[in-house]
């Protein structure tokens, strides 16, 4: 899906309707902007209930402790 948008003088971009519909994005939803080379990755912020259990089964034995920080 190729869609374009123009940056306004107020530095705003309207997300094209086909993109909003395909991603099920709604007005008022919050997004994070992640720089990637010469572009930016735009992703919706997850709700807290969507994060529940995300780390279940993770092995914490390889995690660093704070002793190796300055």
N, C-alpha and C. Protein backbone atom coordinates (compact mmCIF):
# COMPACT_ATOMS: atom_id res chain seq x y z
N UNK A 1 0.84 -1.16 0.00
CA UNK A 1 0.00 0.00 0.00
C UNK A 1 0.89 1.23 0.00
N UNK A 2 0.85 2.00 -1.06
CA UNK A 2 1.64 3.23 -1.15
C UNK A 2 0.71 4.41 -0.98
N UNK A 3 0.97 5.21 0.03
CA UNK A 3 0.18 6.40 0.28
C UNK A 3 1.14 7.51 0.67
N UNK A 4 0.80 8.73 0.32
CA UNK A 4 1.67 9.85 0.65
C UNK A 4 0.91 10.89 1.46
N UNK A 5 1.67 11.73 2.17
CA UNK A 5 1.10 12.84 2.93
C UNK A 5 2.11 13.97 2.89
N UNK A 6 1.64 15.18 3.15
CA UNK A 6 2.49 16.36 3.13
C UNK A 6 2.59 16.95 4.52
N UNK A 7 3.79 17.33 4.92
CA UNK A 7 4.01 17.98 6.21
C UNK A 7 3.50 19.41 6.12
N UNK A 8 2.61 19.80 7.03
CA UNK A 8 2.03 21.14 7.00
C UNK A 8 2.98 22.16 7.62
N UNK A 9 2.62 23.44 7.50
CA UNK A 9 3.44 24.50 8.09
C UNK A 9 3.47 24.42 9.61
N UNK A 10 2.50 23.68 10.20
CA UNK A 10 2.47 23.46 11.65
C UNK A 10 3.14 22.13 12.02
N UNK A 11 3.87 21.55 11.07
CA UNK A 11 4.58 20.29 11.25
C UNK A 11 3.63 19.14 11.60
N UNK A 12 2.49 19.10 10.95
CA UNK A 12 1.51 18.04 11.13
C UNK A 12 1.37 17.24 9.85
N UNK A 13 1.09 15.95 10.01
CA UNK A 13 0.86 15.06 8.87
C UNK A 13 -0.46 14.33 9.12
N UNK A 14 -1.32 14.31 8.12
CA UNK A 14 -2.55 13.53 8.21
C UNK A 14 -2.26 12.14 7.65
N UNK A 15 -2.57 11.13 8.41
CA UNK A 15 -2.35 9.75 7.96
C UNK A 15 -3.46 9.40 6.97
N UNK A 16 -3.11 8.96 5.77
CA UNK A 16 -4.13 8.65 4.76
C UNK A 16 -5.13 7.61 5.26
N UNK A 17 -6.38 7.77 4.87
CA UNK A 17 -7.47 6.90 5.33
C UNK A 17 -7.20 5.42 5.06
N UNK A 18 -6.68 5.03 3.87
CA UNK A 18 -6.42 3.60 3.66
C UNK A 18 -5.44 3.02 4.68
N UNK A 19 -4.45 3.82 5.11
CA UNK A 19 -3.48 3.36 6.11
C UNK A 19 -4.16 3.24 7.47
N UNK A 20 -4.94 4.26 7.86
CA UNK A 20 -5.65 4.22 9.15
C UNK A 20 -6.59 3.03 9.21
N UNK A 21 -7.31 2.79 8.14
CA UNK A 21 -8.26 1.68 8.11
C UNK A 21 -7.54 0.33 8.18
N UNK A 22 -6.46 0.19 7.43
CA UNK A 22 -5.72 -1.08 7.41
C UNK A 22 -5.10 -1.39 8.77
N UNK A 23 -4.67 -0.35 9.50
CA UNK A 23 -4.02 -0.54 10.80
C UNK A 23 -5.00 -0.46 11.96
N UNK A 24 -6.25 -0.11 11.68
CA UNK A 24 -7.29 0.05 12.72
C UNK A 24 -6.91 1.13 13.72
N UNK A 25 -6.32 2.22 13.24
CA UNK A 25 -5.95 3.34 14.10
C UNK A 25 -7.14 4.25 14.29
N UNK A 26 -7.25 4.81 15.51
CA UNK A 26 -8.38 5.66 15.87
C UNK A 26 -7.89 7.04 16.28
N UNK A 27 -8.76 8.04 16.19
CA UNK A 27 -8.44 9.39 16.64
C UNK A 27 -8.13 9.37 18.13
N UNK A 28 -7.12 10.11 18.54
CA UNK A 28 -6.73 10.17 19.95
C UNK A 28 -5.72 9.12 20.36
N UNK A 29 -5.44 8.17 19.49
CA UNK A 29 -4.46 7.12 19.79
C UNK A 29 -3.07 7.74 19.84
N UNK A 30 -2.22 7.27 20.77
CA UNK A 30 -0.86 7.78 20.90
C UNK A 30 0.12 6.91 20.12
N UNK A 31 1.16 7.57 19.58
CA UNK A 31 2.16 6.88 18.77
C UNK A 31 3.55 7.22 19.25
N UNK A 32 4.49 6.34 18.94
CA UNK A 32 5.90 6.57 19.23
C UNK A 32 6.61 6.69 17.88
N UNK A 33 7.59 7.59 17.81
CA UNK A 33 8.38 7.82 16.60
C UNK A 33 9.80 7.33 16.85
N UNK A 34 10.24 6.34 16.07
CA UNK A 34 11.55 5.73 16.26
C UNK A 34 12.42 6.03 15.04
N UNK A 35 13.49 6.83 15.22
CA UNK A 35 14.36 7.13 14.08
C UNK A 35 15.00 5.86 13.52
N UNK A 36 14.97 5.72 12.20
CA UNK A 36 15.56 4.58 11.51
C UNK A 36 16.29 5.09 10.28
N UNK A 37 17.60 5.30 10.39
CA UNK A 37 18.37 5.81 9.26
C UNK A 37 17.87 7.17 8.84
N UNK A 38 17.42 7.30 7.59
CA UNK A 38 16.90 8.57 7.09
C UNK A 38 15.39 8.66 7.23
N UNK A 39 14.78 7.67 7.85
CA UNK A 39 13.33 7.65 8.01
C UNK A 39 12.92 7.53 9.46
N UNK A 40 11.64 7.31 9.67
CA UNK A 40 11.08 7.19 11.01
C UNK A 40 10.06 6.06 11.01
N UNK A 41 10.14 5.20 12.01
CA UNK A 41 9.15 4.15 12.20
C UNK A 41 8.08 4.70 13.14
N UNK A 42 6.83 4.64 12.75
CA UNK A 42 5.71 5.13 13.56
C UNK A 42 4.93 3.92 14.04
N UNK A 43 4.81 3.81 15.36
CA UNK A 43 4.08 2.67 15.93
C UNK A 43 3.15 3.15 17.02
N UNK A 44 1.95 2.55 17.14
CA UNK A 44 1.06 2.94 18.23
C UNK A 44 1.61 2.43 19.56
N UNK A 45 1.44 3.25 20.60
CA UNK A 45 1.82 2.82 21.94
C UNK A 45 0.83 1.76 22.41
N UNK A 46 1.31 0.67 22.97
CA UNK A 46 0.38 -0.35 23.45
C UNK A 46 -0.30 0.10 24.74
N UNK A 47 -1.50 -0.41 24.96
CA UNK A 47 -2.21 -0.19 26.23
C UNK A 47 -1.57 -1.08 27.29
N UNK A 48 -1.70 -0.71 28.56
CA UNK A 48 -1.09 -1.50 29.64
C UNK A 48 -1.60 -2.93 29.66
N UNK A 49 -2.89 -3.14 29.40
CA UNK A 49 -3.42 -4.51 29.42
C UNK A 49 -2.86 -5.36 28.29
N UNK A 50 -2.39 -4.74 27.21
CA UNK A 50 -1.77 -5.49 26.12
C UNK A 50 -0.37 -5.97 26.49
N UNK A 51 0.24 -5.35 27.50
CA UNK A 51 1.59 -5.73 27.91
C UNK A 51 1.60 -6.83 28.98
N UNK A 52 0.45 -7.14 29.55
CA UNK A 52 0.37 -8.16 30.59
C UNK A 52 0.86 -9.50 30.05
N UNK A 53 1.84 -10.08 30.73
CA UNK A 53 2.35 -11.39 30.36
C UNK A 53 3.36 -11.38 29.23
N UNK A 54 3.79 -10.21 28.78
CA UNK A 54 4.69 -10.12 27.63
C UNK A 54 6.05 -10.78 27.92
N UNK A 55 6.46 -10.80 29.18
CA UNK A 55 7.76 -11.37 29.52
C UNK A 55 7.64 -12.74 30.20
N UNK A 56 6.47 -13.36 30.14
CA UNK A 56 6.33 -14.67 30.77
C UNK A 56 7.25 -15.67 30.08
N UNK A 57 7.96 -16.42 30.86
CA UNK A 57 8.89 -17.40 30.34
C UNK A 57 10.26 -16.84 30.03
N UNK A 58 10.48 -15.56 30.29
CA UNK A 58 11.79 -14.96 30.04
C UNK A 58 12.80 -15.49 31.06
N UNK A 59 14.03 -15.66 30.63
CA UNK A 59 15.09 -16.14 31.51
C UNK A 59 15.87 -14.94 32.04
N UNK A 60 15.70 -14.56 33.31
CA UNK A 60 16.37 -13.38 33.85
C UNK A 60 17.83 -13.62 34.24
N UNK A 61 18.34 -14.84 34.10
CA UNK A 61 19.68 -15.15 34.56
C UNK A 61 20.76 -14.40 33.75
N UNK A 62 20.46 -14.01 32.53
CA UNK A 62 21.44 -13.32 31.70
C UNK A 62 21.32 -11.80 31.80
N UNK A 63 20.45 -11.31 32.67
CA UNK A 63 20.26 -9.86 32.80
C UNK A 63 21.43 -9.23 33.54
N UNK A 64 21.80 -8.03 33.13
CA UNK A 64 22.89 -7.33 33.81
C UNK A 64 22.39 -6.78 35.13
N UNK A 65 23.31 -6.61 36.04
CA UNK A 65 22.96 -5.91 37.27
C UNK A 65 23.49 -4.48 37.17
N UNK A 66 23.24 -3.68 38.15
CA UNK A 66 23.62 -2.27 38.08
C UNK A 66 25.08 -2.03 38.49
N UNK A 67 25.83 -3.05 38.87
CA UNK A 67 27.21 -2.88 39.27
C UNK A 67 28.13 -2.55 38.10
N UNK A 68 27.68 -2.84 36.87
CA UNK A 68 28.55 -2.60 35.71
C UNK A 68 28.31 -1.21 35.09
N UNK A 69 27.55 -0.35 35.77
CA UNK A 69 27.25 0.98 35.23
C UNK A 69 28.07 2.02 35.96
N UNK A 70 28.28 3.14 35.30
CA UNK A 70 29.08 4.21 35.87
C UNK A 70 28.24 5.18 36.65
